[in-house]
Amino acid sequence: MAHTALHRVPSDPDQMIGLPAAAVVLDVTERTVRRYIAEGKLPAFRLAGGSNLRVRRGDVDALLAPLPTTGSAGTSA
């Protein structure tokens, strides 16, 4: 798991963060974050002239959005 503390990860949705920080926010491994990027679930940006990837904090937060419910659980027609 990433070693970045969650309280040190920027909360501004437009802020670019590294993959280790994204992993902390999502409570997954960095490998899972890379898989989300490869699957198109998380947009990523490569820094000019480098190999480091960055993601927007808002895009990371969007992965945490609650799923809408469509009725009461446990009821039948």
Protein backbone atom coordinates (compact mmCIF):
# COMPACT_ATOMS: atom_id res chain seq x y z
CA MET A 1 0.00 0.00 0.00
CA ALA A 2 1.14 3.56 -0.56
CA HIS A 3 3.04 5.33 2.17
CA THR A 4 1.44 8.75 1.65
CA ALA A 5 -0.82 9.80 4.51
CA LEU A 6 -4.34 10.72 3.41
CA HIS A 7 -4.19 14.03 5.30
CA ARG A 8 -1.29 15.07 3.06
CA VAL A 9 -3.19 14.47 -0.20
CA PRO A 10 -4.58 17.71 -1.70
CA SER A 11 -8.38 17.99 -1.59
CA ASP A 12 -8.76 20.51 -4.46
CA PRO A 13 -10.53 18.60 -7.28
CA ASP A 14 -8.40 20.34 -9.94
CA GLN A 15 -5.12 19.44 -8.20
CA MET A 16 -2.95 16.89 -9.98
CA ILE A 17 -1.75 14.06 -7.73
CA GLY A 18 0.57 11.12 -8.23
CA LEU A 19 -0.50 7.52 -8.41
CA PRO A 20 0.64 6.67 -4.86
CA ALA A 21 -1.58 9.47 -3.51
CA ALA A 22 -4.50 8.30 -5.66
CA ALA A 23 -4.03 4.80 -4.26
CA VAL A 24 -4.28 6.18 -0.72
CA VAL A 25 -7.51 8.06 -1.50
CA LEU A 26 -9.07 4.98 -3.11
CA ASP A 27 -7.64 2.57 -0.49
CA VAL A 28 -6.22 0.34 -3.23
CA THR A 29 -2.73 -0.49 -4.47
CA GLU A 30 -0.88 1.62 -7.00
CA ARG A 31 -1.16 -1.35 -9.37
CA THR A 32 -4.96 -1.10 -9.17
CA VAL A 33 -4.79 2.63 -9.96
CA ARG A 34 -2.68 1.79 -13.03
CA ARG A 35 -5.29 -0.81 -14.03
CA TYR A 36 -8.07 1.80 -13.72
CA ILE A 37 -6.05 4.06 -16.04
CA ALA A 38 -5.47 1.25 -18.55
CA GLU A 39 -9.19 0.35 -18.51
CA GLY A 40 -10.19 3.98 -19.11
CA LYS A 41 -11.86 4.35 -15.72
CA LEU A 42 -9.41 7.04 -14.59
CA PRO A 43 -7.96 9.68 -16.93
CA ALA A 44 -4.23 10.25 -16.48
CA PHE A 45 -1.67 12.73 -17.74
CA ARG A 46 2.03 12.25 -18.36
CA LEU A 47 4.36 15.08 -17.40
CA ALA A 48 6.22 16.58 -20.36
CA GLY A 49 9.61 14.98 -20.78
CA GLY A 50 9.03 12.45 -18.04
CA SER A 51 7.52 9.11 -17.27
CA ASN A 52 5.51 10.16 -14.21
CA LEU A 53 1.75 9.95 -14.45
CA ARG A 54 -0.63 12.29 -12.67
CA VAL A 55 -4.39 12.18 -12.16
CA ARG A 56 -6.84 14.88 -11.13
CA ARG A 57 -8.07 14.58 -7.56
CA GLY A 58 -11.63 15.19 -8.78
CA ASP A 59 -11.40 12.22 -11.17
CA VAL A 60 -10.19 10.05 -8.29
CA ASP A 61 -13.04 11.26 -6.09
CA ALA A 62 -15.52 10.48 -8.88
CA LEU A 63 -14.58 6.81 -8.59
CA LEU A 64 -15.80 6.97 -4.99
CA ALA A 65 -19.24 8.38 -5.88
CA PRO A 66 -22.05 6.33 -4.33
CA LEU A 67 -24.14 4.23 -6.66
CA PRO A 68 -27.76 5.32 -6.99
CA THR A 69 -30.29 2.96 -5.47
CA THR A 70 -33.44 1.96 -7.33
CA GLY A 71 -35.80 0.95 -4.56
CA SER A 72 -35.84 -0.79 -1.25
CA ALA A 73 -33.66 -3.79 -0.67
CA GLY A 74 -35.45 -6.97 0.28
CA THR A 75 -38.85 -6.14 -1.23
CA SER A 76 -40.43 -8.30 -3.88
CA ALA A 77 -43.28 -7.68 -6.26
